Amino acid sequence: MLPWGLSCLSVLGAAGTALLCAGLLLSLAQHLWTLRWTLSRDRASALPLPKGSMGWPFFGETLHWLVQGSRFHSSRRERYGTVFKTHLLGRPVIRVSGAENVRTILLGEHRLVRSQWPQSAHILLGSHTLLGAVGEPHRQRRKVLARVFSRAALERYVPRLQGALRREVRSWCAARGPVAVYEAAKALTFRMAARILLGLRLDEAQCAQLAQTFEQFVENLFSLPLDVPFSGLRKGIRARDQLHRHLEEAIAEKLHEDRAAEPGDALEVIIHSTRELGRELSVQELKESAVELLFAAFFTTASASTSLVLLLLQHPAAIARIRQELAAQGLGRACGCAPGAAGGGAGPRPDCGCQPDLSLAALGRLRYVDCVVKEVLRLLPPVSGGYRTALRTFELDGYQIPKGWSVMYSIRDTHETAAVYRSPPEGFDPERFGAAGEDARGASGRFHYIPFGGGARSCLGRELAQAVLQLLAVELVRTARWELATPAFPAMQTVPIVHPVDGLRLFFHPLVPSAAQDGLCL
């Protein structure tokens, strides 16, 4: 029997040997993992794979990505350049930034790349959506949906959107405590999309309940494709089915309405447009189209609205410039009703005499407001980028992009690194979108600014989204002043969508109606 000391040394030696062996095995596994992806390059191409790391076997760099957030991509861009390889969520990924590189990806839809969505998203959104369509079905559906966002349609939406935004801002001013802006913006965005865009007749209780169901649907849209009890996909399916049940009755009414009547909302436009093309959509197709429209508008518009409120608070000079522009256009006076007097329906209540005073033409004359909205979307784009799958091997920036690999183009990195702007890209400067800035960028600046993507899958609702943000800026500036309810400005979370980590808690105070254009406060 060994003495106690020798026994301990023997145990420690065995443990050390085991750790050394484990380390060697991990090192060998990582080497083989890297070799596996190196050998996966397309040998028909003489070009090398992009620089980068594939991380650990099976996990890749997913854990680093989840922990580091946006810093993960910026640190690797600094190390490897604007095109680099990694391995995320079980797939090899080429991350791309820079205007010329992004241009190749966005204009290569259906030729070099195709849209890529997780299987869970395809299951939950359905097979009759624009997001999942490719080729000719994608072109046909896009043609129909383009009418939803035509100028004639936007003209009908704007007065009702202004009414909804006016009521919301005044309710913030009437609140007894701080307002969590991001949560309020999500609720507002859903109400506007459901009532104004889709034409659903919902009271406040129904709208709140449906919004909660919809948020559960969206939260589980990107989940493991396992339809088992308590899984994210099962929760998403349950939420989707509840949404579809609620939509069925509204859709049935619209299908039996007067065919000769002018369509007033998005669902009616879709029904009329497909009939003109000789088709009759099923209830299932219309339900999926309605949910897709809600999804496209929900988080992105709420995110951008919150960023607008935050950046205006951080830059009071921009607020002063907006007030000057509104006064010059005869739009400086806010609604004179007491905060909270407006109702919760689609338009102003009879007891509030303030009618909408903005139109698309009036918004078009507010050049500085337009510059502010564009700068908000440049500095804090709601979505960081998009995913594609390579249809064939092609060249990008001197590297090969192998067939079958995922390609992620970065909106945020492209905005941050654009060299065409006169002022530093990291600063807030709406004037970069003024006439002088447009002249400086010229035609080459097209893909330096891509908050709505580009090419065959550019966002159809971009003009509607910009109109909503312009209307919000006007109603905010001529109705309220606002201040932080927290000791410091919150950090921004960028994955999966940009928003303040604390929801942005603010106090809102009404301006004196008769002196709103002078910025005087109660």
Protein backbone atom coordinates (compact mmCIF):
# COMPACT_ATOMS: atom_id res chain seq x y z
CA MET A 1 0.00 0.00 0.00
CA LEU A 2 1.42 3.41 -1.06
CA PRO A 3 1.98 6.16 1.52
CA TRP A 4 -0.67 8.90 1.52
CA GLY A 5 1.60 11.49 -0.13
CA LEU A 6 2.61 9.19 -2.97
CA SER A 7 -1.02 8.22 -3.47
CA CYS A 8 -1.99 11.90 -3.90
CA LEU A 9 0.87 12.46 -6.34
CA SER A 10 -0.27 9.43 -8.30
CA VAL A 11 -3.84 10.75 -8.49
CA LEU A 12 -2.67 14.22 -9.50
CA GLY A 13 -0.40 12.73 -12.15
CA ALA A 14 -3.26 10.68 -13.57
CA ALA A 15 -5.51 13.74 -13.59
CA GLY A 16 -2.86 15.80 -15.34
CA THR A 17 -2.38 13.08 -17.94
CA ALA A 18 -6.12 12.91 -18.50
CA LEU A 19 -6.34 16.70 -18.95
CA LEU A 20 -3.41 16.65 -21.34
CA CYS A 21 -5.03 13.88 -23.39
CA ALA A 22 -8.34 15.75 -23.40
CA GLY A 23 -6.59 18.91 -24.57
CA LEU A 24 -4.80 17.04 -27.33
CA LEU A 25 -8.05 15.42 -28.43
CA LEU A 26 -9.83 18.79 -28.51
CA SER A 27 -6.96 20.30 -30.47
CA LEU A 28 -7.03 17.39 -32.93
CA ALA A 29 -10.83 17.66 -33.26
CA GLN A 30 -10.62 21.39 -33.96
CA HIS A 31 -7.85 20.80 -36.51
CA LEU A 32 -9.93 18.13 -38.28
CA TRP A 33 -12.99 20.41 -38.15
CA THR A 34 -11.04 23.24 -39.80
CA LEU A 35 -9.60 20.82 -42.35
CA ARG A 36 -13.10 19.51 -43.12
CA TRP A 37 -14.26 23.00 -44.18
CA THR A 38 -11.01 23.81 -45.96
CA LEU A 39 -11.50 20.71 -48.13
CA SER A 40 -15.12 21.71 -48.81
CA ARG A 41 -14.01 24.56 -51.09
CA ASP A 42 -15.06 24.26 -54.72
CA ARG A 43 -11.99 22.79 -56.44
CA ALA A 44 -13.24 23.95 -59.81
CA SER A 45 -12.42 27.48 -58.63
CA ALA A 46 -8.82 28.62 -58.18
CA LEU A 47 -9.88 31.24 -55.64
CA PRO A 48 -9.36 30.64 -51.90
CA LEU A 49 -12.05 30.59 -49.25
CA PRO A 50 -12.38 33.84 -47.28
CA LYS A 51 -10.28 34.23 -44.14
CA GLY A 52 -11.90 33.47 -40.80
CA SER A 53 -12.44 30.78 -38.18
CA MET A 54 -14.93 27.91 -38.17
CA GLY A 55 -14.75 27.67 -34.38
CA TRP A 56 -15.29 24.41 -32.53
CA PRO A 57 -16.64 21.14 -33.96
CA PHE A 58 -20.43 21.23 -34.44
CA PHE A 59 -20.88 24.41 -32.33
CA GLY A 60 -18.77 26.57 -34.62
CA GLU A 61 -18.68 30.14 -33.29
CA THR A 62 -22.35 30.22 -32.27
CA LEU A 63 -21.62 30.62 -28.55
CA HIS A 64 -19.21 33.50 -29.21
CA TRP A 65 -21.86 35.14 -31.42
CA LEU A 66 -24.60 34.81 -28.79
CA VAL A 67 -22.40 36.23 -26.02
CA GLN A 68 -20.67 39.03 -27.95
CA GLY A 69 -23.61 40.24 -30.07
CA SER A 70 -22.67 42.91 -32.60
CA ARG A 71 -19.09 42.99 -31.25
CA PHE A 72 -18.61 39.46 -32.65
CA HIS A 73 -18.96 40.67 -36.22
CA SER A 74 -17.08 43.95 -35.81
CA SER A 75 -14.09 42.25 -34.17
CA ARG A 76 -13.83 39.67 -36.97
CA ARG A 77 -14.31 42.32 -39.63
CA GLU A 78 -11.34 44.20 -38.13
CA ARG A 79 -9.29 40.99 -38.13
CA TYR A 80 -10.29 39.40 -41.45
CA GLY A 81 -11.79 42.16 -43.61
CA THR A 82 -15.21 42.83 -45.14
CA VAL A 83 -15.65 39.22 -46.35
CA PHE A 84 -14.94 36.46 -43.85
CA LYS A 85 -16.07 32.93 -43.04
CA THR A 86 -17.49 31.55 -39.81
CA HIS A 87 -19.86 28.78 -38.64
CA LEU A 88 -23.15 29.77 -36.97
CA LEU A 89 -26.26 27.82 -35.99
CA GLY A 90 -25.00 24.63 -37.61
CA ARG A 91 -24.13 26.14 -41.02
CA PRO A 92 -21.00 27.55 -42.72
CA VAL A 93 -21.53 31.28 -43.22
CA ILE A 94 -19.80 33.94 -45.31
CA ARG A 95 -20.35 37.37 -43.74
CA VAL A 96 -20.29 40.26 -46.20
CA SER A 97 -20.20 44.04 -45.75
CA GLY A 98 -19.28 47.03 -47.89
CA ALA A 99 -21.38 48.61 -50.64
CA GLU A 100 -19.85 46.82 -53.63
CA ASN A 101 -19.92 43.39 -51.98
CA VAL A 102 -23.50 43.85 -50.76
CA ARG A 103 -24.50 45.07 -54.22
CA THR A 104 -23.30 41.77 -55.71
CA ILE A 105 -25.41 39.79 -53.23
CA LEU A 106 -28.59 41.87 -53.46
CA LEU A 107 -28.57 42.08 -57.25
CA GLY A 108 -27.72 38.39 -57.53
CA GLU A 109 -31.11 37.14 -56.27
CA HIS A 110 -32.35 34.11 -58.27
CA ARG A 111 -29.00 34.05 -60.15
CA LEU A 112 -26.21 33.79 -57.56
CA VAL A 113 -28.18 33.44 -54.33
CA ARG A 114 -31.67 32.78 -53.02
CA SER A 115 -33.44 33.87 -49.86
CA GLN A 116 -32.79 31.71 -46.81
CA TRP A 117 -35.15 31.39 -43.87
CA PRO A 118 -35.03 28.81 -41.06
CA GLN A 119 -37.32 25.81 -41.43
CA SER A 120 -39.32 26.92 -38.39
CA ALA A 121 -40.14 30.22 -40.15
CA HIS A 122 -41.34 28.37 -43.25
CA ILE A 123 -43.55 26.13 -41.09
CA LEU A 124 -45.10 29.00 -39.11
CA LEU A 125 -45.50 31.56 -41.90
CA GLY A 126 -46.81 29.02 -44.41
CA SER A 127 -46.18 28.26 -48.05
CA HIS A 128 -48.20 31.14 -49.57
CA THR A 129 -45.98 34.03 -48.50
CA LEU A 130 -43.62 36.40 -50.27
CA LEU A 131 -40.82 35.60 -47.81
CA GLY A 132 -40.72 31.94 -48.79
CA ALA A 133 -41.39 32.30 -52.52
CA VAL A 134 -38.67 32.06 -55.18
CA GLY A 135 -38.59 32.60 -58.93
CA GLU A 136 -41.84 33.33 -60.76
CA PRO A 137 -44.15 32.87 -57.71
CA HIS A 138 -42.06 35.48 -55.89
CA ARG A 139 -42.38 37.93 -58.79
CA GLN A 140 -46.16 37.43 -59.01
CA ARG A 141 -46.74 37.87 -55.27
CA ARG A 142 -44.49 40.91 -55.17
CA LYS A 143 -46.48 42.45 -58.03
CA VAL A 144 -49.72 42.02 -56.06
CA LEU A 145 -48.27 43.33 -52.78
CA ALA A 146 -46.77 46.36 -54.54
CA ARG A 147 -50.34 47.67 -54.90
CA VAL A 148 -50.78 47.51 -51.12
CA PHE A 149 -48.04 50.15 -50.83
CA SER A 150 -48.83 52.21 -53.94
CA ARG A 151 -49.07 55.98 -53.61
CA ALA A 152 -52.86 55.85 -53.85
CA ALA A 153 -52.97 53.34 -50.97
CA LEU A 154 -50.55 55.41 -48.87
CA GLU A 155 -52.73 58.49 -49.36
CA ARG A 156 -55.60 56.57 -47.77
CA TYR A 157 -53.47 55.34 -44.86
CA VAL A 158 -51.78 58.61 -43.87
CA PRO A 159 -54.71 60.49 -42.22
CA ARG A 160 -55.63 57.46 -40.11
CA LEU A 161 -52.00 56.84 -39.20
CA GLN A 162 -51.64 60.46 -38.11
CA GLY A 163 -54.73 60.13 -35.93
CA ALA A 164 -53.36 56.98 -34.27
CA LEU A 165 -49.93 58.53 -33.68
CA ARG A 166 -51.45 61.77 -32.33
CA ARG A 167 -53.51 59.83 -29.80
CA GLU A 168 -50.51 57.76 -28.77
CA VAL A 169 -48.20 60.74 -28.15
CA ARG A 170 -50.92 62.51 -26.17
CA SER A 171 -51.48 59.39 -24.07
CA TRP A 172 -47.75 59.37 -23.28
CA CYS A 173 -48.02 62.99 -22.14
CA ALA A 174 -51.03 62.11 -19.95
CA ALA A 175 -49.28 59.12 -18.30
CA ARG A 176 -48.70 59.54 -14.56
CA GLY A 177 -45.34 57.80 -14.63
CA PRO A 178 -42.57 56.87 -17.04
CA VAL A 179 -43.44 55.31 -20.40
CA ALA A 180 -41.57 52.22 -21.61
CA VAL A 181 -41.27 53.46 -25.19
CA TYR A 182 -40.29 50.20 -26.90
CA GLU A 183 -43.23 48.27 -25.39
CA ALA A 184 -45.59 51.14 -26.18
CA ALA A 185 -44.25 51.32 -29.74
CA LYS A 186 -44.83 47.59 -30.27
CA ALA A 187 -48.42 47.89 -29.06
CA LEU A 188 -48.98 50.97 -31.24
CA THR A 189 -47.44 49.34 -34.32
CA PHE A 190 -49.64 46.29 -33.97
CA ARG A 191 -52.79 48.43 -33.59
CA MET A 192 -51.96 50.45 -36.68
CA ALA A 193 -51.10 47.35 -38.74
CA ALA A 194 -54.21 45.44 -37.64
CA ARG A 195 -56.76 48.26 -37.82
CA ILE A 196 -55.45 50.50 -40.60
CA LEU A 197 -53.39 48.21 -42.85
CA LEU A 198 -55.56 45.08 -42.54
CA GLY A 199 -58.85 46.82 -41.71
CA LEU A 200 -59.65 44.56 -38.75
CA ARG A 201 -62.47 45.76 -36.49
CA LEU A 202 -60.97 45.35 -33.03
CA ASP A 203 -61.79 47.01 -29.72
CA GLU A 204 -58.98 47.75 -27.26
CA ALA A 205 -59.32 44.45 -25.36
CA GLN A 206 -59.37 42.37 -28.54
CA CYS A 207 -56.42 44.27 -29.95
CA ALA A 208 -54.34 43.79 -26.79
CA GLN A 209 -55.12 40.07 -26.67
CA LEU A 210 -54.32 39.56 -30.34
CA ALA A 211 -51.09 41.55 -30.00
CA GLN A 212 -49.99 39.27 -27.16
CA THR A 213 -50.72 36.20 -29.29
CA PHE A 214 -48.85 37.71 -32.22
CA GLU A 215 -45.78 38.51 -30.10
CA GLN A 216 -45.68 34.88 -28.94
CA PHE A 217 -45.86 33.84 -32.59
CA VAL A 218 -42.93 36.09 -33.55
CA GLU A 219 -40.83 35.09 -30.53
CA ASN A 220 -40.93 31.46 -31.69
CA LEU A 221 -40.52 32.11 -35.40
CA PHE A 222 -36.80 31.26 -35.23
CA SER A 223 -36.69 28.07 -33.18
CA LEU A 224 -35.58 24.49 -33.55
CA PRO A 225 -37.86 22.71 -36.07
CA LEU A 226 -39.06 20.19 -33.46
CA ASP A 227 -42.83 19.93 -33.10
CA VAL A 228 -42.84 18.39 -29.62
CA PRO A 229 -44.62 19.44 -26.40
CA PHE A 230 -43.25 22.65 -24.81
CA SER A 231 -40.97 23.36 -27.80
CA GLY A 232 -40.71 26.83 -29.33
CA LEU A 233 -42.16 25.54 -32.58
CA ARG A 234 -45.20 24.05 -30.80
CA LYS A 235 -45.80 27.40 -29.03
CA GLY A 236 -45.47 29.20 -32.36
CA ILE A 237 -47.95 26.84 -34.06
CA ARG A 238 -50.46 27.34 -31.26
CA ALA A 239 -50.14 31.14 -31.55
CA ARG A 240 -50.38 31.00 -35.35
CA ASP A 241 -53.57 28.91 -35.19
CA GLN A 242 -55.15 31.42 -32.81
CA LEU A 243 -54.27 34.26 -35.19
CA HIS A 244 -55.71 32.36 -38.14
CA ARG A 245 -58.97 31.64 -36.30
CA HIS A 246 -59.42 35.34 -35.56
CA LEU A 247 -58.61 36.34 -39.14
CA GLU A 248 -61.05 33.85 -40.74
CA GLU A 249 -64.18 35.82 -39.89
CA ALA A 250 -62.75 39.14 -41.10
CA ILE A 251 -61.52 37.56 -44.33
CA ALA A 252 -64.87 35.87 -44.97
CA GLU A 253 -66.58 39.28 -44.74
CA LYS A 254 -64.13 40.84 -47.18
CA LEU A 255 -64.56 38.01 -49.69
CA HIS A 256 -68.32 38.68 -49.81
CA GLU A 257 -68.13 42.48 -50.02
CA ASP A 258 -69.09 44.43 -53.16
CA ARG A 259 -66.56 43.53 -55.85
CA ALA A 260 -67.00 46.90 -57.55
CA ALA A 261 -66.16 48.91 -54.43
CA GLU A 262 -62.78 50.63 -54.15
CA PRO A 263 -60.48 48.57 -51.86
CA GLY A 264 -59.78 50.39 -48.59
CA ASP A 265 -57.18 48.21 -46.86
CA ALA A 266 -54.37 45.82 -47.70
CA LEU A 267 -56.44 42.64 -47.60
CA GLU A 268 -59.02 44.14 -49.97
CA VAL A 269 -56.25 45.30 -52.32
CA ILE A 270 -54.78 41.76 -52.37
CA ILE A 271 -58.20 40.23 -53.08
CA HIS A 272 -59.01 42.72 -55.88
CA SER A 273 -55.53 42.51 -57.44
CA THR A 274 -55.49 38.72 -57.66
CA ARG A 275 -59.00 38.74 -59.12
CA GLU A 276 -57.78 41.11 -61.83
CA LEU A 277 -55.05 38.57 -62.58
CA GLY A 278 -57.70 35.85 -62.98
CA ARG A 279 -57.18 34.15 -59.62
CA GLU A 280 -59.29 33.68 -56.53
CA LEU A 281 -57.27 33.38 -53.31
CA SER A 282 -58.26 30.79 -50.73
CA VAL A 283 -58.96 31.78 -47.13
CA GLN A 284 -55.72 30.01 -46.12
CA GLU A 285 -53.68 32.08 -48.58
CA LEU A 286 -55.24 35.29 -47.28
CA LYS A 287 -54.64 34.31 -43.65
CA GLU A 288 -50.96 33.69 -44.39
CA SER A 289 -50.69 36.97 -46.32
CA ALA A 290 -52.26 38.88 -43.41
CA VAL A 291 -49.88 37.38 -40.85
CA GLU A 292 -46.93 38.09 -43.14
CA LEU A 293 -47.92 41.75 -43.42
CA LEU A 294 -48.18 42.00 -39.63
CA PHE A 295 -44.79 40.33 -39.25
CA ALA A 296 -43.13 42.61 -41.80
CA ALA A 297 -44.37 45.75 -40.01
CA PHE A 298 -44.30 44.79 -36.34
CA PHE A 299 -40.82 44.67 -34.78
CA THR A 300 -39.01 46.73 -37.42
CA THR A 301 -41.32 49.75 -37.18
CA ALA A 302 -41.42 49.55 -33.38
CA SER A 303 -37.62 49.41 -33.30
CA ALA A 304 -37.20 52.37 -35.65
CA SER A 305 -39.82 54.41 -33.76
CA THR A 306 -38.00 53.83 -30.48
CA SER A 307 -34.66 54.76 -32.05
CA LEU A 308 -36.21 57.97 -33.41
CA VAL A 309 -37.42 59.01 -29.94
CA LEU A 310 -34.02 58.16 -28.42
CA LEU A 311 -31.87 59.96 -30.99
CA LEU A 312 -34.02 63.10 -30.95
CA LEU A 313 -33.68 63.20 -27.15
CA GLN A 314 -29.90 62.89 -27.50
CA HIS A 315 -29.77 65.65 -30.15
CA PRO A 316 -32.04 68.58 -29.17
CA ALA A 317 -30.66 70.69 -32.04
CA ALA A 318 -32.50 68.37 -34.43
CA ILE A 319 -35.76 69.00 -32.53
CA ALA A 320 -35.24 72.75 -32.89
CA ARG A 321 -34.64 72.38 -36.65
CA ILE A 322 -37.82 70.30 -37.04
CA ARG A 323 -39.84 72.96 -35.18
CA GLN A 324 -38.46 75.64 -37.48
CA GLU A 325 -39.38 73.63 -40.56
CA LEU A 326 -42.90 72.93 -39.28
CA ALA A 327 -43.43 76.64 -38.54
CA ALA A 328 -42.21 77.56 -42.02
CA GLN A 329 -44.74 75.13 -43.53
CA GLY A 330 -47.60 76.42 -41.34
CA LEU A 331 -47.68 73.16 -39.38
CA GLY A 332 -46.27 74.38 -36.07
CA ARG A 333 -49.49 74.26 -34.06
CA ALA A 334 -50.33 71.00 -32.34
CA CYS A 335 -53.84 69.72 -31.65
CA GLY A 336 -55.43 71.85 -28.92
CA CYS A 337 -57.45 69.08 -27.23
CA ALA A 338 -56.47 68.15 -23.69
CA PRO A 339 -54.20 65.08 -23.54
CA GLY A 340 -56.25 61.91 -23.39
CA ALA A 341 -59.32 63.45 -25.05
CA ALA A 342 -58.96 61.54 -28.27
CA GLY A 343 -60.61 58.16 -28.55
CA GLY A 344 -59.22 54.72 -29.32
CA GLY A 345 -60.85 54.13 -32.70
CA ALA A 346 -59.43 54.50 -36.17
CA GLY A 347 -60.02 58.29 -36.44
CA PRO A 348 -60.42 61.33 -34.15
CA ARG A 349 -63.47 61.31 -31.88
CA PRO A 350 -66.17 63.98 -32.42
CA ASP A 351 -65.30 65.62 -29.08
CA CYS A 352 -61.81 66.45 -30.39
CA GLY A 353 -61.99 68.94 -33.27
CA CYS A 354 -58.44 68.33 -34.49
CA GLN A 355 -58.50 66.79 -37.94
CA PRO A 356 -55.43 65.27 -39.63
CA ASP A 357 -53.45 68.07 -41.31
CA LEU A 358 -50.79 66.02 -43.07
CA SER A 359 -50.76 64.22 -46.41
CA LEU A 360 -48.08 62.54 -48.49
CA ALA A 361 -47.59 65.81 -50.34
CA ALA A 362 -47.19 67.74 -47.07
CA LEU A 363 -44.72 65.17 -45.74
CA GLY A 364 -42.77 65.46 -48.99
CA ARG A 365 -42.19 69.16 -48.27
CA LEU A 366 -40.66 68.44 -44.85
CA ARG A 367 -37.13 67.92 -46.15
CA TYR A 368 -35.33 68.09 -42.80
CA VAL A 369 -37.78 65.65 -41.17
CA ASP A 370 -37.05 63.27 -44.04
CA CYS A 371 -33.30 63.67 -43.42
CA VAL A 372 -33.76 62.91 -39.71
CA VAL A 373 -35.71 59.71 -40.45
CA LYS A 374 -33.09 58.56 -42.95
CA GLU A 375 -30.28 59.24 -40.46
CA VAL A 376 -32.08 57.27 -37.73
CA LEU A 377 -32.39 54.30 -40.09
CA ARG A 378 -28.73 54.64 -41.11
CA LEU A 379 -27.35 54.82 -37.58
CA LEU A 380 -29.69 52.26 -35.99
CA PRO A 381 -31.16 50.06 -38.75
CA PRO A 382 -33.76 47.78 -37.11
CA VAL A 383 -32.44 44.64 -38.84
CA SER A 384 -28.69 44.04 -38.90
CA GLY A 385 -28.66 42.14 -42.21
CA GLY A 386 -30.12 39.33 -44.28
CA TYR A 387 -29.37 35.70 -45.13
CA ARG A 388 -29.00 34.08 -48.53
CA THR A 389 -27.84 30.68 -49.81
CA ALA A 390 -25.32 30.46 -52.66
CA LEU A 391 -26.93 28.81 -55.71
CA ARG A 392 -23.55 28.33 -57.35
CA THR A 393 -19.93 29.12 -56.60
CA PHE A 394 -19.05 32.73 -57.41
CA GLU A 395 -16.34 35.30 -56.71
CA LEU A 396 -16.59 38.06 -54.15
CA ASP A 397 -13.75 40.44 -53.33
CA GLY A 398 -11.14 37.94 -54.55
CA TYR A 399 -12.57 34.94 -52.67
CA GLN A 400 -14.80 32.06 -53.69
CA ILE A 401 -18.27 31.75 -52.18
CA PRO A 402 -18.95 27.98 -52.42
CA LYS A 403 -22.29 26.66 -53.61
CA GLY A 404 -24.59 25.75 -50.70
CA TRP A 405 -22.93 28.01 -48.12
CA SER A 406 -24.95 30.65 -46.28
CA VAL A 407 -24.20 34.27 -47.11
CA MET A 408 -25.08 36.97 -44.59
CA TYR A 409 -24.92 40.56 -45.81
CA SER A 410 -24.56 43.19 -43.10
CA ILE A 411 -26.61 46.36 -43.17
CA ARG A 412 -25.13 47.81 -39.99
CA ASP A 413 -21.48 47.19 -40.90
CA THR A 414 -22.01 48.62 -44.38
CA HIS A 415 -23.49 51.81 -42.92
CA GLU A 416 -20.71 52.08 -40.32
CA THR A 417 -17.86 51.70 -42.81
CA ALA A 418 -19.23 53.80 -45.69
CA ALA A 419 -16.61 56.29 -46.82
CA VAL A 420 -18.99 58.37 -48.98
CA TYR A 421 -20.41 60.44 -46.13
CA ARG A 422 -18.83 63.84 -45.48
CA SER A 423 -19.20 63.60 -41.70
CA PRO A 424 -17.94 60.61 -39.64
CA PRO A 425 -20.32 57.63 -40.09
CA GLU A 426 -20.57 57.03 -36.32
CA GLY A 427 -22.08 60.48 -35.66
CA PHE A 428 -25.72 61.64 -35.88
CA ASP A 429 -25.88 64.11 -38.76
CA PRO A 430 -29.18 64.40 -40.70
CA GLU A 431 -27.53 66.92 -43.03
CA ARG A 432 -25.60 64.07 -44.68
CA PHE A 433 -28.91 63.35 -46.49
CA GLY A 434 -29.42 66.97 -47.53
CA ALA A 435 -28.78 68.28 -51.03
CA ALA A 436 -25.01 68.67 -50.46
CA GLY A 437 -24.74 65.12 -49.15
CA GLU A 438 -26.67 63.70 -52.10
CA ASP A 439 -24.33 65.51 -54.50
CA ALA A 440 -21.27 64.15 -52.68
CA ARG A 441 -22.47 60.55 -52.77
CA GLY A 442 -23.88 60.56 -56.30
CA ALA A 443 -24.98 57.31 -57.92
CA SER A 444 -22.21 55.36 -56.16
CA GLY A 445 -23.95 55.84 -52.81
CA ARG A 446 -26.90 53.58 -53.59
CA PHE A 447 -25.66 50.53 -51.71
CA HIS A 448 -23.96 52.47 -48.93
CA TYR A 449 -27.45 53.02 -47.48
CA ILE A 450 -29.58 49.87 -47.30
CA PRO A 451 -31.93 49.91 -44.28
CA PHE A 452 -34.62 48.36 -46.51
CA GLY A 453 -32.32 45.95 -48.34
CA GLY A 454 -32.22 46.13 -52.12
CA GLY A 455 -32.69 44.27 -55.36
CA ALA A 456 -35.52 41.79 -55.97
CA ARG A 457 -36.27 41.47 -52.24
CA SER A 458 -36.10 45.10 -51.18
CA CYS A 459 -38.76 46.05 -48.64
CA LEU A 460 -42.04 46.91 -50.37
CA GLY A 461 -43.26 48.84 -47.34
CA ARG A 462 -40.32 51.24 -47.11
CA GLU A 463 -42.36 54.33 -48.08
CA LEU A 464 -45.07 53.44 -45.57
CA ALA A 465 -42.46 52.88 -42.83
CA GLN A 466 -40.81 56.22 -43.59
CA ALA A 467 -44.20 57.96 -43.56
CA VAL A 468 -44.98 56.50 -40.12
CA LEU A 469 -41.63 57.73 -38.76
CA GLN A 470 -42.12 61.18 -40.30
CA LEU A 471 -45.61 61.45 -38.80
CA LEU A 472 -44.29 60.35 -35.39
CA ALA A 473 -41.49 62.94 -35.53
CA VAL A 474 -44.00 65.72 -36.33
CA GLU A 475 -46.48 64.73 -33.61
CA LEU A 476 -43.71 64.33 -31.02
CA VAL A 477 -41.98 67.62 -31.71
CA ARG A 478 -45.09 69.81 -31.80
CA THR A 479 -46.87 68.06 -28.92
CA ALA A 480 -44.32 67.05 -26.28
CA ARG A 481 -40.96 67.31 -24.66
CA TRP A 482 -39.41 64.21 -23.13
CA GLU A 483 -36.65 63.27 -20.72
CA LEU A 484 -34.97 60.17 -19.32
CA ALA A 485 -36.58 58.43 -16.36
CA THR A 486 -33.30 56.58 -15.72
CA PRO A 487 -29.86 57.86 -14.59
CA ALA A 488 -28.25 57.25 -18.00
CA PHE A 489 -29.09 56.38 -21.58
CA PRO A 490 -29.61 52.61 -22.01
CA ALA A 491 -27.31 50.31 -23.95
CA MET A 492 -28.65 49.08 -27.28
CA GLN A 493 -29.26 45.39 -27.97
CA THR A 494 -28.75 44.55 -31.64
CA VAL A 495 -29.69 40.85 -31.86
CA PRO A 496 -32.19 39.86 -33.18
CA ILE A 497 -33.49 43.43 -33.59
CA VAL A 498 -32.25 46.81 -32.36
CA HIS A 499 -33.83 48.04 -29.14
CA PRO A 500 -32.79 49.58 -25.78
CA VAL A 501 -32.11 46.92 -23.16
CA ASP A 502 -34.44 48.62 -20.66
CA GLY A 503 -37.14 49.47 -23.22
CA LEU A 504 -36.27 53.21 -23.00
CA ARG A 505 -38.13 54.61 -19.99
CA LEU A 506 -39.03 58.27 -20.48
CA PHE A 507 -41.19 61.00 -18.98
CA PHE A 508 -43.32 62.91 -21.50
CA HIS A 509 -44.71 66.42 -20.87
CA PRO A 510 -47.21 68.33 -23.06
CA LEU A 511 -46.19 71.55 -24.73
CA VAL A 512 -48.40 74.62 -24.36
CA PRO A 513 -50.59 74.36 -27.53
CA SER A 514 -50.46 78.07 -28.34
CA ALA A 515 -46.68 78.18 -28.07
CA ALA A 516 -45.70 74.74 -29.32
CA GLN A 517 -43.80 76.22 -32.24
CA ASP A 518 -41.64 78.17 -29.74
CA GLY A 519 -40.87 75.06 -27.67
CA LEU A 520 -42.43 76.44 -24.44
CA CYS A 521 -43.52 73.81 -21.93
CA LEU A 522 -46.07 73.53 -19.14
